[in-house]
Amino acid sequence: MKKTATVTALVIVMALSTQAQAGGPPPVCMVVDKVVLEPDEKAPTRIQIWGTFIFCKNNASYDRPVSGYLYYKAGSGKEEVCRKQWAKLQKLAADKHIVAFGFCGHPKVDGHLRKAGQEPSSPVVFPVDDNEGFTNGDAYARDFPTAKKLLAKASLGAPKK
């Protein structure tokens, strides 16, 4: 009986900790100005994501909006998966959504932002995971003041529903 109660308590604690980890904000939200696919749009292996970004700090709130670009390359053997994610990003950007990237704390992208005048070099390997892709992040404009600033800075107006 005591063993069953201990196992049950352990399972509950594990479930709650997993739920809390997954429930936080994504590591980055962005308004995309342009997407550059390299070497071409038919079979890209690298992507530059230009726009205005906010990065999550301490899995709780966002820093101020900053402009620049993220530069990624597809990992070896992961080109098709990356292309699907990049196409999803292009669709979200074309529809003028805030784009959320990843899930609470993953991937770590805050140190990858490059300034507009910086030449593209040494792209970071794009994190390929079903949970680390691009999603509609409009809801974060309601929940986080910095995301509202992101919308204002990008002059998109109210998020789409």
N, C-alpha and C. Protein backbone atom coordinates (compact mmCIF):
# COMPACT_ATOMS: atom_id res chain seq x y z
N MET A 1 0.82 -1.19 0.00
CA MET A 1 0.00 0.00 0.00
C MET A 1 0.87 1.26 0.00
N LYS A 2 1.88 1.26 0.88
CA LYS A 2 2.77 2.42 0.95
C LYS A 2 3.53 2.60 -0.36
N LYS A 3 3.95 1.48 -0.95
CA LYS A 3 4.68 1.52 -2.22
C LYS A 3 3.80 2.09 -3.33
N THR A 4 2.54 1.70 -3.38
CA THR A 4 1.60 2.20 -4.39
C THR A 4 1.40 3.71 -4.23
N ALA A 5 1.27 4.19 -3.00
CA ALA A 5 1.09 5.62 -2.75
C ALA A 5 2.33 6.40 -3.19
N THR A 6 3.51 5.85 -2.94
CA THR A 6 4.75 6.52 -3.33
C THR A 6 4.86 6.60 -4.85
N VAL A 7 4.57 5.51 -5.52
CA VAL A 7 4.63 5.49 -6.99
C VAL A 7 3.61 6.45 -7.58
N THR A 8 2.40 6.46 -7.01
CA THR A 8 1.35 7.38 -7.48
C THR A 8 1.79 8.83 -7.29
N ALA A 9 2.35 9.15 -6.16
CA ALA A 9 2.82 10.51 -5.90
C ALA A 9 3.92 10.90 -6.87
N LEU A 10 4.83 9.98 -7.14
CA LEU A 10 5.92 10.24 -8.08
C LEU A 10 5.38 10.52 -9.48
N VAL A 11 4.41 9.73 -9.92
CA VAL A 11 3.81 9.93 -11.24
C VAL A 11 3.12 11.29 -11.31
N ILE A 12 2.41 11.69 -10.27
CA ILE A 12 1.73 12.99 -10.26
C ILE A 12 2.75 14.13 -10.33
N VAL A 13 3.81 14.04 -9.55
CA VAL A 13 4.85 15.08 -9.57
C VAL A 13 5.48 15.17 -10.95
N MET A 14 5.77 14.03 -11.56
CA MET A 14 6.38 14.05 -12.89
C MET A 14 5.43 14.67 -13.91
N ALA A 15 4.16 14.35 -13.83
CA ALA A 15 3.18 14.91 -14.77
C ALA A 15 3.06 16.41 -14.60
N LEU A 16 3.02 16.88 -13.37
CA LEU A 16 2.91 18.32 -13.13
C LEU A 16 4.15 19.06 -13.58
N SER A 17 5.33 18.49 -13.35
CA SER A 17 6.55 19.18 -13.77
C SER A 17 6.65 19.23 -15.29
N THR A 18 6.22 18.19 -15.98
CA THR A 18 6.22 18.19 -17.44
C THR A 18 5.24 19.21 -17.96
N GLN A 19 4.06 19.30 -17.35
CA GLN A 19 3.05 20.26 -17.78
C GLN A 19 3.55 21.69 -17.56
N ALA A 20 4.20 21.95 -16.43
CA ALA A 20 4.69 23.29 -16.15
C ALA A 20 5.77 23.69 -17.15
N GLN A 21 6.66 22.76 -17.49
CA GLN A 21 7.72 23.07 -18.44
C GLN A 21 7.15 23.38 -19.81
N ALA A 22 6.17 22.61 -20.25
CA ALA A 22 5.60 22.80 -21.58
C ALA A 22 4.68 24.01 -21.63
N GLY A 23 4.26 24.52 -20.48
CA GLY A 23 3.29 25.59 -20.45
C GLY A 23 3.86 26.98 -20.56
N GLY A 24 5.16 27.15 -20.59
CA GLY A 24 5.75 28.47 -20.66
C GLY A 24 5.76 29.01 -22.07
N PRO A 25 6.18 30.26 -22.21
CA PRO A 25 6.20 30.88 -23.54
C PRO A 25 7.32 30.33 -24.41
N PRO A 26 7.18 30.47 -25.73
CA PRO A 26 8.26 30.01 -26.62
C PRO A 26 9.48 30.91 -26.46
N PRO A 27 10.65 30.43 -26.84
CA PRO A 27 11.87 31.20 -26.64
C PRO A 27 11.97 32.45 -27.50
N VAL A 28 11.25 32.50 -28.61
CA VAL A 28 11.29 33.69 -29.45
C VAL A 28 9.95 33.87 -30.16
N CYS A 29 9.55 35.13 -30.24
CA CYS A 29 8.44 35.53 -31.09
C CYS A 29 8.99 36.56 -32.06
N MET A 30 8.44 36.58 -33.27
CA MET A 30 9.00 37.47 -34.28
C MET A 30 7.92 37.97 -35.23
N VAL A 31 8.20 39.11 -35.80
CA VAL A 31 7.45 39.60 -36.95
C VAL A 31 8.45 39.56 -38.09
N VAL A 32 8.14 38.77 -39.09
CA VAL A 32 9.08 38.52 -40.18
C VAL A 32 8.89 39.54 -41.29
N ASP A 33 9.99 40.22 -41.63
CA ASP A 33 9.98 41.17 -42.75
C ASP A 33 10.28 40.46 -44.06
N LYS A 34 11.24 39.56 -44.03
CA LYS A 34 11.56 38.80 -45.24
C LYS A 34 12.27 37.51 -44.86
N VAL A 35 12.15 36.56 -45.78
CA VAL A 35 12.82 35.28 -45.65
C VAL A 35 13.69 35.10 -46.89
N VAL A 36 14.96 34.81 -46.69
CA VAL A 36 15.88 34.57 -47.80
C VAL A 36 16.28 33.10 -47.74
N LEU A 37 15.95 32.38 -48.80
CA LEU A 37 16.31 30.97 -48.91
C LEU A 37 17.54 30.85 -49.80
N GLU A 38 18.51 30.06 -49.34
CA GLU A 38 19.77 29.89 -50.07
C GLU A 38 20.02 28.41 -50.36
N PRO A 39 20.60 28.03 -51.43
CA PRO A 39 21.07 28.86 -52.54
C PRO A 39 19.95 29.32 -53.46
N ASP A 40 18.75 28.66 -53.36
CA ASP A 40 17.61 29.10 -54.15
C ASP A 40 16.33 28.62 -53.46
N GLU A 41 15.18 29.03 -53.98
CA GLU A 41 13.91 28.68 -53.35
C GLU A 41 13.46 27.26 -53.66
N LYS A 42 14.00 26.64 -54.69
CA LYS A 42 13.58 25.29 -55.06
C LYS A 42 14.13 24.22 -54.13
N ALA A 43 15.38 24.35 -53.73
CA ALA A 43 16.01 23.36 -52.86
C ALA A 43 16.92 24.06 -51.84
N PRO A 44 16.32 24.86 -50.96
CA PRO A 44 17.15 25.61 -50.02
C PRO A 44 17.81 24.70 -48.97
N THR A 45 18.99 25.09 -48.58
CA THR A 45 19.69 24.41 -47.50
C THR A 45 20.03 25.38 -46.37
N ARG A 46 19.78 26.66 -46.61
CA ARG A 46 20.01 27.70 -45.60
C ARG A 46 18.86 28.70 -45.64
N ILE A 47 18.63 29.38 -44.51
CA ILE A 47 17.57 30.37 -44.43
C ILE A 47 18.03 31.56 -43.58
N GLN A 48 17.71 32.75 -44.06
CA GLN A 48 17.87 33.97 -43.28
C GLN A 48 16.46 34.44 -42.94
N ILE A 49 16.20 34.69 -41.66
CA ILE A 49 14.90 35.16 -41.21
C ILE A 49 15.10 36.58 -40.70
N TRP A 50 14.64 37.57 -41.48
CA TRP A 50 14.80 38.99 -41.16
C TRP A 50 13.54 39.51 -40.50
N GLY A 51 13.72 40.33 -39.46
CA GLY A 51 12.54 40.91 -38.84
C GLY A 51 12.83 41.53 -37.49
N THR A 52 11.78 41.59 -36.69
CA THR A 52 11.85 42.12 -35.33
C THR A 52 11.54 40.95 -34.40
N PHE A 53 12.36 40.80 -33.36
CA PHE A 53 12.31 39.63 -32.51
C PHE A 53 12.20 40.03 -31.04
N ILE A 54 11.54 39.18 -30.26
CA ILE A 54 11.61 39.27 -28.81
C ILE A 54 12.03 37.90 -28.30
N PHE A 55 12.96 37.90 -27.36
CA PHE A 55 13.50 36.66 -26.82
C PHE A 55 13.05 36.49 -25.38
N CYS A 56 12.65 35.29 -25.04
CA CYS A 56 12.18 34.98 -23.69
C CYS A 56 13.37 34.91 -22.74
N LYS A 57 13.20 35.47 -21.59
CA LYS A 57 14.24 35.38 -20.56
C LYS A 57 13.65 34.65 -19.35
N ASN A 58 14.39 33.75 -18.82
CA ASN A 58 14.00 32.99 -17.63
C ASN A 58 12.67 32.25 -17.79
N ASN A 59 12.31 31.88 -19.02
CA ASN A 59 11.06 31.17 -19.30
C ASN A 59 9.83 31.88 -18.72
N ALA A 60 9.90 33.22 -18.60
CA ALA A 60 8.79 33.92 -17.96
C ALA A 60 8.36 35.19 -18.68
N SER A 61 9.28 35.97 -19.22
CA SER A 61 8.92 37.22 -19.85
C SER A 61 9.85 37.48 -21.03
N TYR A 62 9.53 38.50 -21.81
CA TYR A 62 10.32 38.79 -23.00
C TYR A 62 11.10 40.08 -22.84
N ASP A 63 12.30 40.08 -23.45
CA ASP A 63 13.09 41.31 -23.53
C ASP A 63 12.46 42.25 -24.54
N ARG A 64 13.05 43.41 -24.70
CA ARG A 64 12.55 44.42 -25.65
C ARG A 64 12.71 43.92 -27.09
N PRO A 65 11.90 44.43 -28.00
CA PRO A 65 12.04 44.04 -29.41
C PRO A 65 13.37 44.51 -30.00
N VAL A 66 13.98 43.64 -30.79
CA VAL A 66 15.23 43.96 -31.49
C VAL A 66 15.11 43.51 -32.94
N SER A 67 15.80 44.21 -33.81
CA SER A 67 15.75 43.89 -35.24
C SER A 67 17.05 43.25 -35.69
N GLY A 68 16.96 42.47 -36.74
CA GLY A 68 18.13 41.80 -37.30
C GLY A 68 17.68 40.56 -38.04
N TYR A 69 18.53 39.52 -38.01
CA TYR A 69 18.14 38.27 -38.67
C TYR A 69 18.75 37.07 -37.97
N LEU A 70 18.07 35.94 -38.15
CA LEU A 70 18.57 34.64 -37.71
C LEU A 70 19.03 33.91 -38.96
N TYR A 71 20.11 33.15 -38.84
CA TYR A 71 20.67 32.47 -40.00
C TYR A 71 20.87 30.99 -39.66
N TYR A 72 20.18 30.13 -40.40
CA TYR A 72 20.22 28.69 -40.15
C TYR A 72 20.60 27.92 -41.40
N LYS A 73 21.08 26.70 -41.15
CA LYS A 73 21.31 25.74 -42.24
C LYS A 73 20.63 24.44 -41.85
N ALA A 74 20.24 23.68 -42.85
CA ALA A 74 19.64 22.37 -42.61
C ALA A 74 20.74 21.40 -42.19
N GLY A 75 20.44 20.59 -41.21
CA GLY A 75 21.37 19.54 -40.81
C GLY A 75 21.43 18.46 -41.88
N SER A 76 22.52 17.75 -41.93
CA SER A 76 22.70 16.69 -42.92
C SER A 76 21.58 15.65 -42.79
N GLY A 77 20.90 15.40 -43.91
CA GLY A 77 19.80 14.45 -43.93
C GLY A 77 18.48 15.02 -43.44
N LYS A 78 18.45 16.26 -43.02
CA LYS A 78 17.24 16.88 -42.48
C LYS A 78 16.68 17.98 -43.40
N GLU A 79 17.16 18.02 -44.63
CA GLU A 79 16.79 19.11 -45.54
C GLU A 79 15.28 19.20 -45.78
N GLU A 80 14.63 18.07 -46.03
CA GLU A 80 13.19 18.10 -46.33
C GLU A 80 12.37 18.55 -45.13
N VAL A 81 12.73 18.09 -43.95
CA VAL A 81 12.03 18.50 -42.73
C VAL A 81 12.18 20.01 -42.53
N CYS A 82 13.39 20.51 -42.74
CA CYS A 82 13.63 21.95 -42.61
C CYS A 82 12.83 22.73 -43.63
N ARG A 83 12.80 22.26 -44.87
CA ARG A 83 12.05 22.97 -45.92
C ARG A 83 10.57 23.07 -45.57
N LYS A 84 10.03 22.04 -44.95
CA LYS A 84 8.62 22.08 -44.53
C LYS A 84 8.41 23.15 -43.46
N GLN A 85 9.31 23.21 -42.50
CA GLN A 85 9.21 24.23 -41.46
C GLN A 85 9.38 25.64 -42.06
N TRP A 86 10.31 25.77 -42.97
CA TRP A 86 10.56 27.08 -43.57
C TRP A 86 9.37 27.53 -44.42
N ALA A 87 8.70 26.60 -45.08
CA ALA A 87 7.49 26.93 -45.84
C ALA A 87 6.38 27.37 -44.89
N LYS A 88 6.29 26.72 -43.75
CA LYS A 88 5.29 27.11 -42.74
C LYS A 88 5.58 28.54 -42.25
N LEU A 89 6.84 28.84 -42.02
CA LEU A 89 7.24 30.19 -41.62
C LEU A 89 6.82 31.21 -42.67
N GLN A 90 7.09 30.91 -43.93
CA GLN A 90 6.73 31.84 -45.00
C GLN A 90 5.23 32.10 -45.04
N LYS A 91 4.43 31.08 -44.81
CA LYS A 91 2.97 31.23 -44.81
C LYS A 91 2.52 32.11 -43.64
N LEU A 92 3.04 31.85 -42.45
CA LEU A 92 2.68 32.66 -41.28
C LEU A 92 3.09 34.12 -41.49
N ALA A 93 4.26 34.34 -42.06
CA ALA A 93 4.74 35.70 -42.31
C ALA A 93 3.88 36.40 -43.36
N ALA A 94 3.51 35.69 -44.42
CA ALA A 94 2.68 36.28 -45.47
C ALA A 94 1.30 36.67 -44.93
N ASP A 95 0.80 35.91 -43.96
CA ASP A 95 -0.50 36.20 -43.35
C ASP A 95 -0.41 37.23 -42.23
N LYS A 96 0.78 37.80 -42.02
CA LYS A 96 1.03 38.87 -41.04
C LYS A 96 0.76 38.45 -39.60
N HIS A 97 1.19 37.25 -39.25
CA HIS A 97 1.07 36.78 -37.88
C HIS A 97 2.36 37.05 -37.12
N ILE A 98 2.24 37.20 -35.79
CA ILE A 98 3.43 37.05 -34.96
C ILE A 98 3.78 35.57 -35.07
N VAL A 99 5.05 35.27 -35.24
CA VAL A 99 5.48 33.88 -35.38
C VAL A 99 6.20 33.48 -34.10
N ALA A 100 5.71 32.42 -33.47
CA ALA A 100 6.37 31.85 -32.30
C ALA A 100 7.29 30.74 -32.80
N PHE A 101 8.43 30.60 -32.13
CA PHE A 101 9.40 29.59 -32.54
C PHE A 101 9.76 28.74 -31.35
N GLY A 102 9.47 27.44 -31.43
CA GLY A 102 9.83 26.50 -30.39
C GLY A 102 8.81 26.42 -29.27
N PHE A 103 9.23 25.79 -28.18
CA PHE A 103 8.41 25.70 -26.99
C PHE A 103 9.26 26.08 -25.80
N CYS A 104 8.65 26.26 -24.69
CA CYS A 104 9.29 26.77 -23.47
C CYS A 104 10.76 26.36 -23.32
N GLY A 105 11.64 27.30 -23.61
CA GLY A 105 13.07 27.09 -23.41
C GLY A 105 13.81 26.36 -24.52
N HIS A 106 13.11 25.87 -25.54
CA HIS A 106 13.76 25.11 -26.62
C HIS A 106 13.27 25.59 -27.97
N PRO A 107 14.04 25.87 -28.93
CA PRO A 107 15.50 25.84 -28.87
C PRO A 107 16.05 27.11 -28.23
N LYS A 108 17.29 27.09 -27.88
CA LYS A 108 17.97 28.27 -27.34
C LYS A 108 18.42 29.11 -28.54
N VAL A 109 17.78 30.26 -28.77
CA VAL A 109 18.09 31.05 -29.96
C VAL A 109 18.50 32.49 -29.64
N ASP A 110 18.49 32.90 -28.41
CA ASP A 110 18.72 34.30 -28.09
C ASP A 110 20.10 34.80 -28.49
N GLY A 111 21.09 33.96 -28.56
CA GLY A 111 22.43 34.41 -28.93
C GLY A 111 22.72 34.38 -30.42
N HIS A 112 21.72 34.05 -31.23
CA HIS A 112 21.94 33.87 -32.66
C HIS A 112 21.54 35.07 -33.50
N LEU A 113 20.99 36.09 -32.91
CA LEU A 113 20.54 37.24 -33.69
C LEU A 113 21.74 37.99 -34.26
N ARG A 114 21.64 38.33 -35.53
CA ARG A 114 22.71 39.07 -36.21
C ARG A 114 22.18 40.44 -36.59
N LYS A 115 23.05 41.41 -36.59
CA LYS A 115 22.67 42.79 -36.95
C LYS A 115 22.51 42.90 -38.46
N ALA A 116 21.72 43.87 -38.88
CA ALA A 116 21.41 44.05 -40.30
C ALA A 116 22.65 44.21 -41.17
N GLY A 117 23.68 44.88 -40.72
CA GLY A 117 24.87 45.10 -41.53
C GLY A 117 25.86 43.95 -41.51
N GLN A 118 25.60 42.94 -40.71
CA GLN A 118 26.52 41.81 -40.57
C GLN A 118 26.34 40.84 -41.74
N GLU A 119 27.44 40.50 -42.39
CA GLU A 119 27.40 39.56 -43.52
C GLU A 119 26.99 38.17 -43.05
N PRO A 120 26.13 37.50 -43.82
CA PRO A 120 25.75 36.14 -43.45
C PRO A 120 26.95 35.18 -43.55
N SER A 121 27.27 34.53 -42.45
CA SER A 121 28.31 33.51 -42.43
C SER A 121 28.06 32.59 -41.25
N SER A 122 28.59 31.40 -41.34
CA SER A 122 28.49 30.40 -40.27
C SER A 122 27.06 30.23 -39.74
N PRO A 123 26.15 29.76 -40.60
CA PRO A 123 24.79 29.55 -40.11
C PRO A 123 24.74 28.47 -39.03
N VAL A 124 23.78 28.61 -38.14
CA VAL A 124 23.56 27.66 -37.06
C VAL A 124 22.69 26.53 -37.61
N VAL A 125 22.90 25.31 -37.17
CA VAL A 125 22.08 24.18 -37.62
C VAL A 125 20.65 24.39 -37.10
N PHE A 126 19.70 24.32 -38.02
CA PHE A 126 18.29 24.51 -37.67
C PHE A 126 17.83 23.36 -36.78
N PRO A 127 17.24 23.69 -35.61
CA PRO A 127 16.78 22.63 -34.71
C PRO A 127 15.55 21.95 -35.29
N VAL A 128 15.65 20.69 -35.58
CA VAL A 128 14.55 19.94 -36.19
C VAL A 128 13.90 19.09 -35.12
N ASP A 129 12.67 19.45 -34.79
CA ASP A 129 11.88 18.72 -33.82
C ASP A 129 10.45 19.16 -34.02
N ASP A 130 9.52 18.25 -33.90
CA ASP A 130 8.11 18.61 -34.09
C ASP A 130 7.68 19.72 -33.16
N ASN A 131 8.26 19.79 -31.97
CA ASN A 131 7.87 20.81 -30.99
C ASN A 131 8.64 22.11 -31.14
N GLU A 132 9.62 22.16 -32.00
CA GLU A 132 10.46 23.34 -32.08
C GLU A 132 10.24 24.13 -33.36
N GLY A 133 9.14 23.92 -34.01
CA GLY A 133 8.87 24.60 -35.26
C GLY A 133 8.21 25.95 -35.07
N PHE A 134 7.73 26.48 -36.17
CA PHE A 134 7.08 27.78 -36.18
C PHE A 134 5.58 27.62 -36.02
N THR A 135 4.97 28.49 -35.20
CA THR A 135 3.53 28.47 -34.99
C THR A 135 3.00 29.89 -34.94
N ASN A 136 1.69 30.01 -35.03
CA ASN A 136 1.04 31.31 -34.90
C ASN A 136 1.20 31.78 -33.46
N GLY A 137 1.82 32.93 -33.28
CA GLY A 137 2.08 33.45 -31.93
C GLY A 137 1.25 34.66 -31.58
N ASP A 138 0.16 34.90 -32.30
CA ASP A 138 -0.66 36.09 -32.04
C ASP A 138 -1.17 36.15 -30.61
N ALA A 139 -1.46 35.01 -30.00
CA ALA A 139 -2.00 34.99 -28.64
C ALA A 139 -1.03 35.62 -27.64
N TYR A 140 0.26 35.57 -27.92
CA TYR A 140 1.24 36.14 -26.99
C TYR A 140 1.12 37.66 -26.90
N ALA A 141 0.56 38.30 -27.91
CA ALA A 141 0.35 39.75 -27.85
C ALA A 141 -0.66 40.11 -26.78
N ARG A 142 -1.55 39.20 -26.48
CA ARG A 142 -2.54 39.44 -25.43
C ARG A 142 -1.94 39.18 -24.05
N ASP A 143 -1.00 38.25 -23.96
CA ASP A 143 -0.49 37.79 -22.67
C ASP A 143 0.79 38.46 -22.21
N PHE A 144 1.57 39.01 -23.13
CA PHE A 144 2.87 39.58 -22.78
C PHE A 144 2.97 41.00 -23.32
N PRO A 145 3.22 41.98 -22.44
CA PRO A 145 3.33 43.37 -22.90
C PRO A 145 4.39 43.58 -23.98
N THR A 146 5.50 42.87 -23.90
CA THR A 146 6.54 43.05 -24.91
C THR A 146 6.08 42.55 -26.27
N ALA A 147 5.23 41.54 -26.30
CA ALA A 147 4.69 41.07 -27.57
C ALA A 147 3.78 42.13 -28.19
N LYS A 148 3.09 42.89 -27.35
CA LYS A 148 2.28 44.01 -27.86
C LYS A 148 3.21 45.05 -28.49
N LYS A 149 4.35 45.29 -27.85
CA LYS A 149 5.33 46.22 -28.42
C LYS A 149 5.87 45.69 -29.74
N LEU A 150 6.03 44.38 -29.83
CA LEU A 150 6.49 43.77 -31.07
C LEU A 150 5.52 44.09 -32.19
N LEU A 151 4.23 43.95 -31.92
CA LEU A 151 3.23 44.28 -32.93
C LEU A 151 3.29 45.76 -33.31
N ALA A 152 3.41 46.63 -32.29
CA ALA A 152 3.46 48.06 -32.57
C ALA A 152 4.69 48.44 -33.37
N LYS A 153 5.85 47.88 -33.02
CA LYS A 153 7.08 48.20 -33.72
C LYS A 153 7.02 47.74 -35.18
N ALA A 154 6.38 46.62 -35.38
CA ALA A 154 6.29 46.07 -36.74
C ALA A 154 5.13 46.68 -37.52
N SER A 155 4.32 47.49 -36.87
CA SER A 155 3.18 48.17 -37.52
C SER A 155 2.22 47.19 -38.18
N LEU A 156 1.92 46.12 -37.47
CA LEU A 156 0.99 45.16 -38.02
C LEU A 156 -0.45 45.40 -37.56
N GLY A 157 -0.62 46.18 -36.51
CA GLY A 157 -1.96 46.36 -35.99
C GLY A 157 -2.33 45.20 -35.09
N ALA A 158 -3.62 44.97 -34.95
CA ALA A 158 -4.12 43.92 -34.05
C ALA A 158 -3.84 42.55 -34.65
N PRO A 159 -3.55 41.59 -33.79
CA PRO A 159 -3.32 40.24 -34.29
C PRO A 159 -4.57 39.66 -34.92
N LYS A 160 -4.39 38.78 -35.90
CA LYS A 160 -5.52 38.07 -36.52
C LYS A 160 -6.04 37.02 -35.57
N LYS A 161 -7.31 36.72 -35.68
CA LYS A 161 -7.90 35.67 -34.84
C LYS A 161 -8.15 34.45 -35.65
